[in-house]
N, C-alpha and C. Protein backbone atom coordinates (compact mmCIF):
# COMPACT_ATOMS: atom_id res chain seq x y z
N MET A 1 46.52 -71.41 134.48
CA MET A 1 45.29 -70.95 134.94
C MET A 1 45.71 -69.63 135.99
N ASN A 2 44.49 -68.67 135.86
CA ASN A 2 44.53 -67.31 136.29
C ASN A 2 43.78 -67.41 137.96
N ARG A 3 44.15 -68.13 139.08
CA ARG A 3 43.32 -67.87 139.71
C ARG A 3 42.79 -66.80 141.27
N THR A 4 41.53 -67.09 141.01
CA THR A 4 41.54 -65.64 141.75
C THR A 4 40.61 -66.24 143.12
N ILE A 5 40.26 -65.57 144.03
CA ILE A 5 39.47 -65.98 145.20
C ILE A 5 38.68 -64.90 145.71
N LEU A 6 37.12 -64.84 146.15
CA LEU A 6 36.67 -63.91 146.69
C LEU A 6 36.71 -64.14 148.24
N VAL A 7 36.78 -62.84 148.75
CA VAL A 7 36.67 -62.82 150.55
C VAL A 7 35.44 -62.14 150.89
N LEU A 8 34.23 -61.93 151.49
CA LEU A 8 33.68 -61.55 151.41
C LEU A 8 33.75 -61.54 153.42
N GLY A 9 33.28 -60.50 154.01
CA GLY A 9 33.80 -60.61 155.20
C GLY A 9 32.42 -59.80 155.89
N LEU A 10 32.16 -60.35 157.16
CA LEU A 10 31.02 -59.46 157.93
C LEU A 10 31.70 -59.33 159.11
N THR A 11 31.28 -58.32 159.56
CA THR A 11 31.73 -57.26 160.93
C THR A 11 30.38 -56.67 161.23
N LEU A 12 30.98 -56.61 162.18
CA LEU A 12 29.39 -55.90 163.82
C LEU A 12 28.93 -54.42 162.84
N ALA A 13 29.64 -53.99 162.78
CA ALA A 13 29.46 -52.41 161.67
C ALA A 13 28.72 -52.77 160.27
N SER A 14 29.04 -54.03 160.22
CA SER A 14 28.41 -53.85 158.36
C SER A 14 27.06 -53.93 158.70
N CYS A 15 26.38 -54.07 157.59
CA CYS A 15 24.72 -54.79 156.90
C CYS A 15 24.78 -56.56 157.12
N ALA A 16 24.22 -56.73 158.05
CA ALA A 16 24.17 -58.13 158.35
C ALA A 16 23.03 -58.95 157.09
N SER A 17 22.20 -58.70 156.24
CA SER A 17 21.38 -58.51 155.71
C SER A 17 21.87 -58.91 154.52
N ILE A 18 20.49 -60.04 153.84
CA ILE A 18 21.01 -60.69 152.50
C ILE A 18 20.11 -60.69 151.27
N ASP A 19 20.09 -59.79 150.19
CA ASP A 19 19.16 -59.29 148.86
C ASP A 19 18.91 -60.69 148.51
N TYR A 20 17.50 -61.43 149.46
CA TYR A 20 17.15 -62.53 149.00
C TYR A 20 16.01 -62.22 147.74
N ALA A 21 15.87 -60.76 147.10
CA ALA A 21 15.01 -60.75 146.51
C ALA A 21 15.33 -60.75 144.99
N THR A 22 16.58 -61.00 145.12
CA THR A 22 17.55 -61.23 143.62
C THR A 22 18.63 -61.98 143.91
N PRO A 23 17.67 -62.84 142.81
CA PRO A 23 18.46 -64.69 142.83
C PRO A 23 19.94 -64.55 142.27
N PRO A 24 20.79 -65.64 142.84
CA PRO A 24 21.90 -66.15 142.28
C PRO A 24 21.77 -65.74 141.23
N PRO A 25 22.62 -65.66 139.28
CA PRO A 25 22.61 -65.92 138.50
C PRO A 25 22.64 -67.22 138.03
N SER A 26 21.48 -67.76 137.34
CA SER A 26 20.61 -69.30 137.24
C SER A 26 22.18 -70.38 136.58
N ASP A 27 23.48 -70.24 136.30
CA ASP A 27 24.32 -70.90 136.13
C ASP A 27 25.26 -70.78 137.18
N TRP A 28 25.36 -70.06 138.90
CA TRP A 28 25.92 -70.28 140.04
C TRP A 28 26.26 -71.82 140.05
N PRO A 29 27.52 -72.01 139.58
CA PRO A 29 28.09 -73.43 140.47
C PRO A 29 27.66 -74.26 141.67
N ALA A 30 26.86 -75.25 141.74
CA ALA A 30 27.21 -75.99 143.36
C ALA A 30 28.58 -75.79 143.67
N LEU A 31 28.61 -75.33 144.54
CA LEU A 31 30.30 -75.19 145.67
C LEU A 31 30.15 -76.38 147.09
N ARG A 32 31.07 -76.62 146.88
CA ARG A 32 31.07 -77.28 148.40
C ARG A 32 31.42 -76.35 149.69
N VAL A 33 30.87 -76.45 150.36
CA VAL A 33 30.72 -75.52 151.71
C VAL A 33 31.67 -76.24 152.45
N ILE A 34 32.61 -75.96 153.27
CA ILE A 34 33.73 -75.68 154.35
C ILE A 34 33.02 -75.27 155.40
N GLU A 35 33.40 -75.35 156.16
CA GLU A 35 33.24 -74.45 157.81
C GLU A 35 34.29 -74.45 158.70
N SER A 36 34.63 -73.54 159.40
CA SER A 36 35.62 -73.75 159.89
C SER A 36 35.57 -72.61 161.20
N VAL A 37 35.34 -72.67 162.47
CA VAL A 37 35.09 -71.82 163.94
C VAL A 37 36.68 -71.98 164.41
N ASP A 38 37.34 -70.46 163.88
CA ASP A 38 38.68 -70.56 163.94
C ASP A 38 39.11 -69.22 164.45
N GLN A 39 39.22 -68.60 165.13
CA GLN A 39 39.77 -66.85 165.50
C GLN A 39 40.70 -66.48 164.74
N LYS A 40 41.72 -67.17 164.62
CA LYS A 40 42.87 -67.04 163.67
C LYS A 40 43.03 -67.30 162.75
N ALA A 41 41.76 -67.89 162.04
CA ALA A 41 41.44 -67.88 160.79
C ALA A 41 40.63 -67.01 159.82
N VAL A 42 39.56 -66.46 160.96
CA VAL A 42 39.10 -64.77 160.90
C VAL A 42 40.22 -63.95 160.68
N HIS A 43 40.91 -64.30 161.49
CA HIS A 43 41.67 -63.12 161.79
C HIS A 43 42.66 -62.63 160.11
N ASP A 44 43.24 -63.86 159.85
CA ASP A 44 44.30 -63.95 158.59
C ASP A 44 43.04 -63.80 157.41
N TYR A 45 41.97 -64.71 157.29
CA TYR A 45 41.26 -64.74 156.15
C TYR A 45 40.45 -63.28 155.54
N CYS A 46 39.89 -62.77 157.18
CA CYS A 46 38.65 -62.15 156.56
C CYS A 46 38.81 -60.84 157.69
N GLY A 47 40.35 -60.17 157.63
CA GLY A 47 40.76 -58.84 158.41
C GLY A 47 41.38 -58.46 157.34
N MET A 48 41.87 -58.83 156.06
CA MET A 48 41.98 -57.88 154.77
C MET A 48 41.69 -56.64 155.04
N GLY A 49 42.29 -55.61 154.60
CA GLY A 49 41.64 -54.60 154.03
C GLY A 49 40.78 -53.67 155.06
N ILE A 50 39.97 -54.48 156.61
CA ILE A 50 39.26 -54.16 157.45
C ILE A 50 39.83 -53.15 158.65
N PRO A 51 39.54 -52.09 158.38
CA PRO A 51 39.79 -51.20 159.87
C PRO A 51 40.04 -52.10 160.78
N LEU A 52 40.87 -52.16 161.77
CA LEU A 52 41.06 -52.64 163.43
C LEU A 52 39.94 -52.25 164.56
N ILE A 53 38.94 -50.98 164.12
CA ILE A 53 37.91 -50.92 165.29
C ILE A 53 36.71 -51.82 165.12
N TYR A 54 36.97 -52.10 163.53
CA TYR A 54 35.47 -53.32 163.50
C TYR A 54 35.64 -54.96 163.91
N SER A 55 34.77 -55.36 164.60
CA SER A 55 34.92 -57.06 165.32
C SER A 55 34.31 -57.30 164.04
N ILE A 56 35.38 -58.91 163.41
CA ILE A 56 35.35 -59.28 162.32
C ILE A 56 34.72 -60.44 162.47
N GLU A 57 33.00 -61.02 162.39
CA GLU A 57 32.52 -62.56 162.72
C GLU A 57 32.86 -63.84 162.14
N GLY A 58 32.62 -62.81 160.51
CA GLY A 58 33.20 -64.18 159.42
C GLY A 58 33.24 -63.51 158.53
N CYS A 59 33.56 -64.69 157.68
CA CYS A 59 34.04 -64.87 155.70
C CYS A 59 33.45 -65.61 155.61
N THR A 60 33.34 -65.48 153.67
CA THR A 60 32.85 -66.82 153.19
C THR A 60 34.60 -66.33 152.10
N VAL A 61 34.96 -67.39 151.76
CA VAL A 61 36.12 -67.76 150.75
C VAL A 61 35.14 -68.23 149.91
N VAL A 62 35.56 -67.71 148.76
CA VAL A 62 34.84 -68.15 147.49
C VAL A 62 36.46 -68.65 146.48
N ASP A 63 36.03 -70.15 146.43
CA ASP A 63 37.42 -70.62 145.50
C ASP A 63 36.31 -71.34 143.75
N PHE A 64 36.11 -70.40 142.64
CA PHE A 64 36.01 -70.77 141.67
C PHE A 64 36.40 -72.42 140.82
N ASP A 65 37.81 -72.07 140.68
CA ASP A 65 38.79 -73.27 140.64
C ASP A 65 38.32 -74.88 141.41
N ARG A 66 38.73 -74.01 142.41
CA ARG A 66 38.23 -75.26 143.10
C ARG A 66 36.79 -76.01 143.26
N ARG A 67 36.59 -75.08 143.26
CA ARG A 67 34.61 -75.32 143.79
C ARG A 67 34.14 -75.22 144.72
N THR A 68 34.39 -74.64 145.75
CA THR A 68 34.88 -74.07 147.21
C THR A 68 33.79 -72.97 147.86
N CYS A 69 33.45 -73.14 149.00
CA CYS A 69 33.03 -72.31 149.55
C CYS A 69 33.39 -72.27 151.06
N THR A 70 34.38 -71.73 151.87
CA THR A 70 34.98 -71.91 152.95
C THR A 70 34.20 -70.78 153.94
N ILE A 71 34.01 -71.20 154.41
CA ILE A 71 33.15 -70.18 155.76
C ILE A 71 34.20 -69.96 157.76
N TYR A 72 34.47 -68.57 157.23
CA TYR A 72 35.09 -68.90 158.81
C TYR A 72 34.70 -67.80 160.00
N LEU A 73 34.31 -68.37 160.83
CA LEU A 73 32.99 -67.92 161.94
C LEU A 73 34.79 -67.85 163.30
N ALA A 74 33.97 -66.89 163.87
CA ALA A 74 35.03 -66.64 164.80
C ALA A 74 34.13 -67.47 166.24
N ASP A 75 34.76 -67.67 166.63
CA ASP A 75 34.29 -67.97 168.02
C ASP A 75 33.61 -67.93 168.70
N GLY A 76 32.19 -68.50 168.94
CA GLY A 76 30.70 -67.56 169.21
C GLY A 76 29.98 -67.05 168.30
N ALA A 77 30.28 -67.18 167.22
CA ALA A 77 29.72 -66.50 165.83
C ALA A 77 29.07 -67.07 164.84
N THR A 78 28.54 -68.70 165.63
CA THR A 78 27.89 -68.98 164.65
C THR A 78 26.79 -68.96 164.44
N TRP A 79 26.23 -67.79 165.30
CA TRP A 79 24.59 -66.96 164.61
C TRP A 79 25.49 -66.12 162.63
N VAL A 80 26.47 -66.34 162.47
CA VAL A 80 26.54 -65.88 161.23
C VAL A 80 26.84 -66.71 159.88
N ARG A 81 26.44 -67.87 160.49
CA ARG A 81 26.32 -69.69 159.57
C ARG A 81 25.82 -68.99 158.34
N THR A 82 24.40 -69.13 158.63
CA THR A 82 23.15 -68.65 157.51
C THR A 82 23.69 -67.72 156.66
N HIS A 83 23.69 -66.79 156.98
CA HIS A 83 24.51 -65.15 156.00
C HIS A 83 25.20 -66.02 155.49
N GLU A 84 26.58 -66.34 155.84
CA GLU A 84 27.30 -66.66 154.94
C GLU A 84 27.27 -68.42 154.02
N ARG A 85 26.62 -69.05 154.14
CA ARG A 85 25.78 -69.67 153.55
C ARG A 85 24.99 -69.19 152.32
N ALA A 86 24.39 -68.18 152.52
CA ALA A 86 23.57 -67.29 151.25
C ALA A 86 24.78 -67.17 150.22
N HIS A 87 25.52 -66.50 150.92
CA HIS A 87 27.21 -66.14 150.04
C HIS A 87 27.44 -67.63 149.07
N CYS A 88 27.54 -68.45 149.90
CA CYS A 88 27.49 -70.00 149.04
C CYS A 88 26.94 -69.97 148.04
N ALA A 89 25.63 -69.79 148.30
CA ALA A 89 24.43 -69.95 147.08
C ALA A 89 24.21 -69.12 146.23
N GLY A 90 25.54 -67.81 146.18
CA GLY A 90 25.42 -66.99 145.05
C GLY A 90 24.84 -65.66 145.25
N TYR A 91 23.99 -65.56 146.87
CA TYR A 91 23.51 -64.33 147.32
C TYR A 91 23.72 -63.49 147.33
N ASP A 92 23.90 -62.20 147.19
CA ASP A 92 24.64 -61.02 147.76
C ASP A 92 23.99 -59.54 148.27
N HIS A 93 25.07 -58.90 149.03
CA HIS A 93 24.11 -57.84 150.27
C HIS A 93 22.83 -56.98 149.14
N PRO A 94 22.47 -56.16 149.53
CA PRO A 94 21.44 -55.44 148.93
C PRO A 94 22.38 -54.53 148.56
N SER A 95 22.24 -53.81 147.02
CA SER A 95 22.65 -53.11 146.71
C SER A 95 24.09 -53.27 145.84
N ASP A 96 24.39 -54.66 146.13
CA ASP A 96 25.59 -55.03 146.03
C ASP A 96 25.74 -56.16 144.83
N ASP A 97 26.71 -56.32 143.74
CA ASP A 97 26.54 -57.32 142.86
C ASP A 97 28.50 -58.19 143.02
N THR A 98 29.18 -57.61 143.97
CA THR A 98 30.22 -58.19 143.94
C THR A 98 30.19 -60.33 143.39
N LEU A 99 29.71 -60.69 144.04
CA LEU A 99 29.17 -61.91 144.10
C LEU A 99 28.92 -62.20 142.00
N ARG A 100 27.73 -61.82 141.70
CA ARG A 100 27.76 -62.20 140.86
C ARG A 100 28.75 -61.21 139.47
N GLU A 101 29.40 -60.44 139.66
CA GLU A 101 30.36 -60.04 139.07
C GLU A 101 31.67 -60.40 139.45
N HIS A 102 32.14 -60.85 140.32
CA HIS A 102 33.33 -62.26 140.28
C HIS A 102 32.93 -63.31 139.37
N TRP A 103 31.69 -63.97 139.92
CA TRP A 103 31.54 -64.96 138.72
C TRP A 103 31.49 -64.93 137.31
N ARG A 104 30.60 -63.89 136.70
CA ARG A 104 30.60 -63.15 135.48
C ARG A 104 32.34 -62.75 134.65
N VAL A 105 32.87 -62.78 135.59
CA VAL A 105 34.68 -62.46 135.53
C VAL A 105 35.15 -63.86 135.34
N TRP A 106 34.94 -64.05 136.38
CA TRP A 106 35.62 -65.82 136.58
C TRP A 106 35.11 -66.76 134.95
N LYS A 107 33.95 -66.69 134.43
CA LYS A 107 33.46 -67.62 133.60
C LYS A 107 34.39 -66.88 132.21
N ALA A 108 34.54 -65.57 131.96
CA ALA A 108 34.97 -64.69 131.19
C ALA A 108 36.12 -65.02 130.64
N ARG A 109 37.10 -65.27 132.01
CA ARG A 109 38.46 -65.82 131.76
C ARG A 109 38.67 -67.15 131.29
N GLN A 110 37.21 -68.09 131.26
CA GLN A 110 37.95 -69.64 130.97
C GLN A 110 37.66 -69.98 129.28
């Protein structure tokens, strides 16, 4: 099995909006949502490829193989929860199709 995990990060410098006008794919799977408020996990999972000048507040790790969506939140950043839960439900940022494309590629490999 070829396993791919998608990490979506939210930094204070990034757009914190969700594109609710574009629904997720109609066959988006039900994912078990796991939440972790853990500064070390935010650094380990969310900081990949993000310059150190940004403050990372949280990220979502989508694993279609395990049918999980893990949300990592920085200490005190529980306000990010709604945003990250929208990613777990298949919503992307405006003008972005990262989740939709990740789901399409995962299905094609099955």
